[in-house]
Amino acid sequence: AILSGSLAIQNSDYFGSSIAINAAGDRLVVGAYQDEKNTATASTGLAYVFTSGSSGWTESAILSGSLAVQGSDNFGYSVSINAAGDRLVVGARLDEKNTVTASTGLAYVFTSGSSGWTESSILSGSLAVQTNDYFGNSVSINAVGDCVVAGAYQDEKNTATGSTGLAYVFQQETTEKIDNATNKILYTKNESVRLVSDGSGSWNII
């Protein structure tokens, strides 16, 4: 197959600048970090999801970031998809939460469900608060889809270590239902601890 994006029709849309495929090889995501939905959102960046079926590969979704609304936000500069192909992360290395933190970089997590793909999280680095920290320049999601790593290659711990680069690890908080009581799972390096609510606001270790 040779794939192209239905909206990637202009010079320098950069469709294919980043790609990732799931474990079964039947779903993939392609970044086009200078593509856009329309002329009002010039060069914000898009990510395309393709699914393989009996009729070959079809474009099943076009993703954009809710905060990636300015030119050159670079949404889609990096992409990664989990093993099942139902959760993916897209880096937007020049995006920002607000004008105070211009071009720090963001990463978006999308989850596939019965209603299609939805934006479930927007990730940012706690120290990525300066212009061109490039948080989201690289992203990776694990096979399960509950852990994301984002690179910020011009970020730093402090002014004494200027632009050395950092990587951020994000772990999804896990909750379970046991006898209709919400439980929290706390992860340490080698084990997990389950905390069970007693209904009064206190938590018991089991």
C-alpha atoms as a PDB file:
ATOM      1  CA  ALA A   1       0.000   0.000   0.000  1.00  0.00           C
ATOM      2  CA  ILE A   2       0.955   3.623  -0.515  1.00  0.00           C
ATOM      3  CA  LEU A   3      -0.881   5.851   1.936  1.00  0.00           C
ATOM      4  CA  SER A   4      -1.599   9.549   1.773  1.00  0.00           C
ATOM      5  CA  GLY A   5      -3.631  11.898   3.932  1.00  0.00           C
ATOM      6  CA  SER A   6      -6.900  13.209   2.542  1.00  0.00           C
ATOM      7  CA  LEU A   7      -6.085  16.727   3.755  1.00  0.00           C
ATOM      8  CA  ALA A   8      -2.347  16.576   3.091  1.00  0.00           C
ATOM      9  CA  ILE A   9      -2.582  18.200  -0.319  1.00  0.00           C
ATOM     10  CA  GLN A  10      -0.218  21.156  -0.005  1.00  0.00           C
ATOM     11  CA  ASN A  11       3.533  21.553  -0.189  1.00  0.00           C
ATOM     12  CA  SER A  12       5.318  21.003   3.128  1.00  0.00           C
ATOM     13  CA  ASP A  13       2.425  19.299   4.954  1.00  0.00           C
ATOM     14  CA  TYR A  14       5.039  16.668   5.877  1.00  0.00           C
ATOM     15  CA  PHE A  15       2.704  13.675   5.903  1.00  0.00           C
ATOM     16  CA  GLY A  16       4.817  10.720   7.045  1.00  0.00           C
ATOM     17  CA  SER A  17       7.188  12.716   9.222  1.00  0.00           C
ATOM     18  CA  SER A  18       6.349  10.285  12.045  1.00  0.00           C
ATOM     19  CA  ILE A  19       4.746   6.839  11.929  1.00  0.00           C
ATOM     20  CA  ALA A  20       3.814   4.042  14.332  1.00  0.00           C
ATOM     21  CA  ILE A  21       2.049   0.706  13.896  1.00  0.00           C
ATOM     22  CA  ASN A  22       0.347  -1.551  16.437  1.00  0.00           C
ATOM     23  CA  ALA A  23       1.428  -5.085  17.345  1.00  0.00           C
ATOM     24  CA  ALA A  24      -0.957  -6.873  14.963  1.00  0.00           C
ATOM     25  CA  GLY A  25       0.004  -4.612  12.079  1.00  0.00           C
ATOM     26  CA  ASP A  26      -3.581  -3.656  11.248  1.00  0.00           C
ATOM     27  CA  ARG A  27      -3.684  -0.092  12.581  1.00  0.00           C
ATOM     28  CA  LEU A  28      -1.181   2.686  12.147  1.00  0.00           C
ATOM     29  CA  VAL A  29      -0.879   6.389  12.850  1.00  0.00           C
ATOM     30  CA  VAL A  30       0.916   8.884  10.627  1.00  0.00           C
ATOM     31  CA  GLY A  31       1.925  12.390  11.623  1.00  0.00           C
ATOM     32  CA  ALA A  32       1.786  15.414   9.315  1.00  0.00           C
ATOM     33  CA  TYR A  33       3.109  18.163  11.521  1.00  0.00           C
ATOM     34  CA  GLN A  34       2.439  21.076   9.163  1.00  0.00           C
ATOM     35  CA  ASP A  35      -0.907  19.875   7.841  1.00  0.00           C
ATOM     36  CA  GLU A  36      -4.203  21.547   8.770  1.00  0.00           C
ATOM     37  CA  LYS A  37      -7.946  21.000   8.653  1.00  0.00           C
ATOM     38  CA  ASN A  38      -8.626  24.255   6.860  1.00  0.00           C
ATOM     39  CA  THR A  39      -7.054  27.573   5.982  1.00  0.00           C
ATOM     40  CA  ALA A  40      -8.188  29.035   9.314  1.00  0.00           C
ATOM     41  CA  THR A  41      -5.882  26.643  11.190  1.00  0.00           C
ATOM     42  CA  ALA A  42      -2.800  26.927   9.003  1.00  0.00           C
ATOM     43  CA  SER A  43       0.014  24.437   9.650  1.00  0.00           C
ATOM     44  CA  THR A  44      -1.149  23.380  13.119  1.00  0.00           C
ATOM     45  CA  GLY A  45      -0.426  19.722  12.410  1.00  0.00           C
ATOM     46  CA  LEU A  46      -2.576  16.599  12.102  1.00  0.00           C
ATOM     47  CA  ALA A  47      -2.291  12.862  12.713  1.00  0.00           C
ATOM     48  CA  TYR A  48      -4.005  10.257  10.527  1.00  0.00           C
ATOM     49  CA  VAL A  49      -5.164   6.829  11.672  1.00  0.00           C
ATOM     50  CA  PHE A  50      -5.376   4.050   9.083  1.00  0.00           C
ATOM     51  CA  THR A  51      -7.005   0.646   9.571  1.00  0.00           C
ATOM     52  CA  SER A  52      -6.425  -2.482   7.520  1.00  0.00           C
ATOM     53  CA  GLY A  53      -9.409  -4.598   6.507  1.00  0.00           C
ATOM     54  CA  SER A  54     -10.700  -6.841   3.738  1.00  0.00           C
ATOM     55  CA  SER A  55     -10.602  -3.957   1.273  1.00  0.00           C
ATOM     56  CA  GLY A  56      -7.106  -2.848   2.247  1.00  0.00           C
ATOM     57  CA  TRP A  57      -6.018   0.218   4.184  1.00  0.00           C
ATOM     58  CA  THR A  58      -8.548   2.953   4.860  1.00  0.00           C
ATOM     59  CA  GLU A  59      -8.211   6.319   6.575  1.00  0.00           C
ATOM     60  CA  SER A  60     -10.339   5.895   9.695  1.00  0.00           C
ATOM     61  CA  ALA A  61      -9.634   9.101  11.611  1.00  0.00           C
ATOM     62  CA  ILE A  62      -7.950  12.493  11.387  1.00  0.00           C
ATOM     63  CA  LEU A  63      -6.778  13.719  14.786  1.00  0.00           C
ATOM     64  CA  SER A  64      -5.941  17.229  15.919  1.00  0.00           C
ATOM     65  CA  GLY A  65      -5.077  18.698  19.298  1.00  0.00           C
ATOM     66  CA  SER A  66      -7.621  20.868  21.086  1.00  0.00           C
ATOM     67  CA  LEU A  67      -4.915  23.388  21.968  1.00  0.00           C
ATOM     68  CA  ALA A  68      -2.982  23.060  18.705  1.00  0.00           C
ATOM     69  CA  VAL A  69      -4.681  25.992  17.015  1.00  0.00           C
ATOM     70  CA  GLN A  70      -1.732  28.096  15.914  1.00  0.00           C
ATOM     71  CA  GLY A  71       0.562  27.820  12.945  1.00  0.00           C
ATOM     72  CA  SER A  72       3.593  25.596  13.506  1.00  0.00           C
ATOM     73  CA  ASP A  73       2.403  23.998  16.760  1.00  0.00           C
ATOM     74  CA  ASN A  74       3.908  20.849  15.222  1.00  0.00           C
ATOM     75  CA  PHE A  75       1.104  18.509  16.296  1.00  0.00           C
ATOM     76  CA  GLY A  76       2.093  15.144  14.831  1.00  0.00           C
ATOM     77  CA  TYR A  77       5.833  15.715  14.985  1.00  0.00           C
ATOM     78  CA  SER A  78       6.008  12.447  16.937  1.00  0.00           C
ATOM     79  CA  VAL A  79       3.511   9.590  17.317  1.00  0.00           C
ATOM     80  CA  SER A  80       3.283   6.258  19.118  1.00  0.00           C
ATOM     81  CA  ILE A  81       0.538   3.630  19.398  1.00  0.00           C
ATOM     82  CA  ASN A  82      -0.002   0.810  21.888  1.00  0.00           C
ATOM     83  CA  ALA A  83      -0.069  -2.888  21.058  1.00  0.00           C
ATOM     84  CA  ALA A  84      -3.848  -3.184  20.754  1.00  0.00           C
ATOM     85  CA  GLY A  85      -4.071  -0.071  18.601  1.00  0.00           C
ATOM     86  CA  ASP A  86      -6.724   1.565  20.786  1.00  0.00           C
ATOM     87  CA  ARG A  87      -4.576   4.231  22.456  1.00  0.00           C
ATOM     88  CA  LEU A  88      -2.001   6.539  20.948  1.00  0.00           C
ATOM     89  CA  VAL A  89       0.040   9.598  21.839  1.00  0.00           C
ATOM     90  CA  VAL A  90       0.872  12.522  19.592  1.00  0.00           C
ATOM     91  CA  GLY A  91       3.614  15.049  20.282  1.00  0.00           C
ATOM     92  CA  ALA A  92       3.231  18.755  19.494  1.00  0.00           C
ATOM     93  CA  ARG A  93       6.660  20.083  20.289  1.00  0.00           C
ATOM     94  CA  LEU A  94       5.841  23.793  19.790  1.00  0.00           C
ATOM     95  CA  ASP A  95       2.351  23.782  21.291  1.00  0.00           C
ATOM     96  CA  GLU A  96       1.503  25.363  24.655  1.00  0.00           C
ATOM     97  CA  LYS A  97      -1.204  25.515  27.284  1.00  0.00           C
ATOM     98  CA  ASN A  98      -1.387  29.288  27.170  1.00  0.00           C
ATOM     99  CA  THR A  99       0.421  32.346  25.879  1.00  0.00           C
ATOM    100  CA  VAL A 100       2.410  32.595  29.108  1.00  0.00           C
ATOM    101  CA  THR A 101       4.217  29.343  28.300  1.00  0.00           C
ATOM    102  CA  ALA A 102       4.674  29.862  24.548  1.00  0.00           C
ATOM    103  CA  SER A 103       6.011  26.943  22.489  1.00  0.00           C
ATOM    104  CA  THR A 104       6.990  24.772  25.446  1.00  0.00           C
ATOM    105  CA  GLY A 105       5.537  21.626  23.880  1.00  0.00           C
ATOM    106  CA  LEU A 106       2.642  19.293  24.674  1.00  0.00           C
ATOM    107  CA  ALA A 107       1.659  15.656  24.097  1.00  0.00           C
ATOM    108  CA  TYR A 108      -1.879  14.448  23.483  1.00  0.00           C
ATOM    109  CA  VAL A 109      -3.261  11.021  24.406  1.00  0.00           C
ATOM    110  CA  PHE A 110      -6.161   9.668  22.334  1.00  0.00           C
ATOM    111  CA  THR A 111      -8.294   6.628  23.143  1.00  0.00           C
ATOM    112  CA  SER A 112     -10.479   4.674  20.727  1.00  0.00           C
ATOM    113  CA  GLY A 113     -13.976   3.670  21.803  1.00  0.00           C
ATOM    114  CA  SER A 114     -17.455   3.056  20.459  1.00  0.00           C
ATOM    115  CA  SER A 115     -17.754   6.705  19.404  1.00  0.00           C
ATOM    116  CA  GLY A 116     -14.367   6.817  17.704  1.00  0.00           C
ATOM    117  CA  TRP A 117     -11.181   8.491  18.860  1.00  0.00           C
ATOM    118  CA  THR A 118     -11.355  10.948  21.737  1.00  0.00           C
ATOM    119  CA  GLU A 119      -8.678  13.178  23.252  1.00  0.00           C
ATOM    120  CA  SER A 120      -8.328  11.757  26.761  1.00  0.00           C
ATOM    121  CA  SER A 121      -5.299  13.634  28.151  1.00  0.00           C
ATOM    122  CA  ILE A 122      -2.997  16.550  27.445  1.00  0.00           C
ATOM    123  CA  LEU A 123       0.468  16.049  28.915  1.00  0.00           C
ATOM    124  CA  SER A 124       3.028  18.719  29.706  1.00  0.00           C
ATOM    125  CA  GLY A 125       6.360  18.719  31.515  1.00  0.00           C
ATOM    126  CA  SER A 126       6.504  20.316  34.949  1.00  0.00           C
ATOM    127  CA  LEU A 127       9.862  21.887  34.089  1.00  0.00           C
ATOM    128  CA  ALA A 128       9.077  22.543  30.423  1.00  0.00           C
ATOM    129  CA  VAL A 129       7.997  26.137  30.946  1.00  0.00           C
ATOM    130  CA  GLN A 130      10.246  27.980  28.525  1.00  0.00           C
ATOM    131  CA  THR A 131      10.018  28.613  24.815  1.00  0.00           C
ATOM    132  CA  ASN A 132      11.530  25.853  22.688  1.00  0.00           C
ATOM    133  CA  ASP A 133      11.919  23.273  25.442  1.00  0.00           C
ATOM    134  CA  TYR A 134      10.493  20.925  22.780  1.00  0.00           C
ATOM    135  CA  PHE A 135       8.459  18.729  25.116  1.00  0.00           C
ATOM    136  CA  GLY A 136       6.878  16.091  22.856  1.00  0.00           C
ATOM    137  CA  ASN A 137       9.659  16.159  20.278  1.00  0.00           C
ATOM    138  CA  SER A 138       9.688  12.382  20.835  1.00  0.00           C
ATOM    139  CA  VAL A 139       6.984  10.213  22.427  1.00  0.00           C
ATOM    140  CA  SER A 140       6.497   6.545  23.202  1.00  0.00           C
ATOM    141  CA  ILE A 141       3.629   4.571  24.728  1.00  0.00           C
ATOM    142  CA  ASN A 142       3.956   1.085  26.187  1.00  0.00           C
ATOM    143  CA  ALA A 143       2.131  -2.012  24.939  1.00  0.00           C
ATOM    144  CA  VAL A 144      -0.695  -1.770  27.479  1.00  0.00           C
ATOM    145  CA  GLY A 145      -1.141   1.936  26.879  1.00  0.00           C
ATOM    146  CA  ASP A 146      -0.918   3.111  30.490  1.00  0.00           C
ATOM    147  CA  CYS A 147       2.603   4.578  30.412  1.00  0.00           C
ATOM    148  CA  VAL A 148       3.872   7.402  28.195  1.00  0.00           C
ATOM    149  CA  VAL A 149       7.386   8.795  27.841  1.00  0.00           C
ATOM    150  CA  ALA A 150       7.947  12.227  26.303  1.00  0.00           C
ATOM    151  CA  GLY A 151      11.290  13.736  25.373  1.00  0.00           C
ATOM    152  CA  ALA A 152      12.127  17.420  25.731  1.00  0.00           C
ATOM    153  CA  TYR A 153      15.565  17.768  24.242  1.00  0.00           C
ATOM    154  CA  GLN A 154      16.162  21.435  25.138  1.00  0.00           C
ATOM    155  CA  ASP A 155      14.608  21.311  28.603  1.00  0.00           C
ATOM    156  CA  GLU A 156      16.692  21.493  31.777  1.00  0.00           C
ATOM    157  CA  LYS A 157      16.448  21.007  35.538  1.00  0.00           C
ATOM    158  CA  ASN A 158      17.704  24.479  36.348  1.00  0.00           C
ATOM    159  CA  THR A 159      19.523  27.455  34.868  1.00  0.00           C
ATOM    160  CA  ALA A 160      22.859  25.918  35.827  1.00  0.00           C
ATOM    161  CA  THR A 161      22.218  23.039  33.417  1.00  0.00           C
ATOM    162  CA  GLY A 162      20.866  24.969  30.449  1.00  0.00           C
ATOM    163  CA  SER A 163      19.181  23.006  27.652  1.00  0.00           C
ATOM    164  CA  THR A 164      20.656  19.634  28.576  1.00  0.00           C
ATOM    165  CA  GLY A 165      17.432  17.822  27.765  1.00  0.00           C
ATOM    166  CA  LEU A 166      14.945  15.847  29.872  1.00  0.00           C
ATOM    167  CA  ALA A 167      12.553  12.925  29.486  1.00  0.00           C
ATOM    168  CA  TYR A 168       9.255  12.680  31.347  1.00  0.00           C
ATOM    169  CA  VAL A 169       7.492   9.440  32.298  1.00  0.00           C
ATOM    170  CA  PHE A 170       3.720   9.481  32.837  1.00  0.00           C
ATOM    171  CA  GLN A 171       1.871   6.582  34.484  1.00  0.00           C
ATOM    172  CA  GLN A 172      -1.901   6.366  34.220  1.00  0.00           C
ATOM    173  CA  GLU A 173      -3.617   6.204  37.582  1.00  0.00           C
ATOM    174  CA  THR A 174      -5.339   2.847  37.855  1.00  0.00           C
ATOM    175  CA  THR A 175      -8.660   2.338  39.591  1.00  0.00           C
ATOM    176  CA  GLU A 176     -10.642  -0.853  40.019  1.00  0.00           C
ATOM    177  CA  LYS A 177     -14.078  -1.759  41.322  1.00  0.00           C
ATOM    178  CA  ILE A 178     -14.332  -4.457  43.986  1.00  0.00           C
ATOM    179  CA  ASP A 179     -17.726  -4.902  45.616  1.00  0.00           C
ATOM    180  CA  ASN A 180     -18.636  -1.497  44.147  1.00  0.00           C
ATOM    181  CA  ALA A 181     -15.898   0.227  46.163  1.00  0.00           C
ATOM    182  CA  THR A 182     -13.285   2.236  44.301  1.00  0.00           C
ATOM    183  CA  ASN A 183      -9.737   1.054  44.912  1.00  0.00           C
ATOM    184  CA  LYS A 184      -6.457   2.737  44.127  1.00  0.00           C
ATOM    185  CA  ILE A 185      -3.354   0.898  43.028  1.00  0.00           C
ATOM    186  CA  LEU A 186      -0.026   2.401  44.051  1.00  0.00           C
ATOM    187  CA  TYR A 187       3.016   1.226  42.107  1.00  0.00           C
ATOM    188  CA  THR A 188       6.518   0.924  43.513  1.00  0.00           C
ATOM    189  CA  LYS A 189       9.547  -0.377  41.647  1.00  0.00           C
ATOM    190  CA  ASN A 190       8.880  -4.044  42.344  1.00  0.00           C
ATOM    191  CA  GLU A 191       5.371  -4.340  43.715  1.00  0.00           C
ATOM    192  CA  SER A 192       1.931  -2.783  43.894  1.00  0.00           C
ATOM    193  CA  VAL A 193      -0.101  -1.874  46.943  1.00  0.00           C
ATOM    194  CA  ARG A 194      -3.884  -1.873  46.842  1.00  0.00           C
ATOM    195  CA  LEU A 195      -5.701   0.702  48.920  1.00  0.00           C
ATOM    196  CA  VAL A 196      -9.388   0.105  49.595  1.00  0.00           C
ATOM    197  CA  SER A 197     -11.756   2.838  50.709  1.00  0.00           C
ATOM    198  CA  ASP A 198     -13.795   2.063  53.810  1.00  0.00           C
ATOM    199  CA  GLY A 199     -16.412   4.622  52.771  1.00  0.00           C
ATOM    200  CA  SER A 200     -15.462   7.180  55.394  1.00  0.00           C
ATOM    201  CA  GLY A 201     -12.640   8.815  53.463  1.00  0.00           C
ATOM    202  CA  SER A 202      -9.966   6.541  54.896  1.00  0.00           C
ATOM    203  CA  TRP A 203      -7.933   3.979  52.958  1.00  0.00           C
ATOM    204  CA  ASN A 204      -6.860   0.532  54.084  1.00  0.00           C
ATOM    205  CA  ILE A 205      -3.982  -1.475  52.647  1.00  0.00           C
ATOM    206  CA  ILE A 206      -4.862  -5.013  51.575  1.00  0.00           C
END
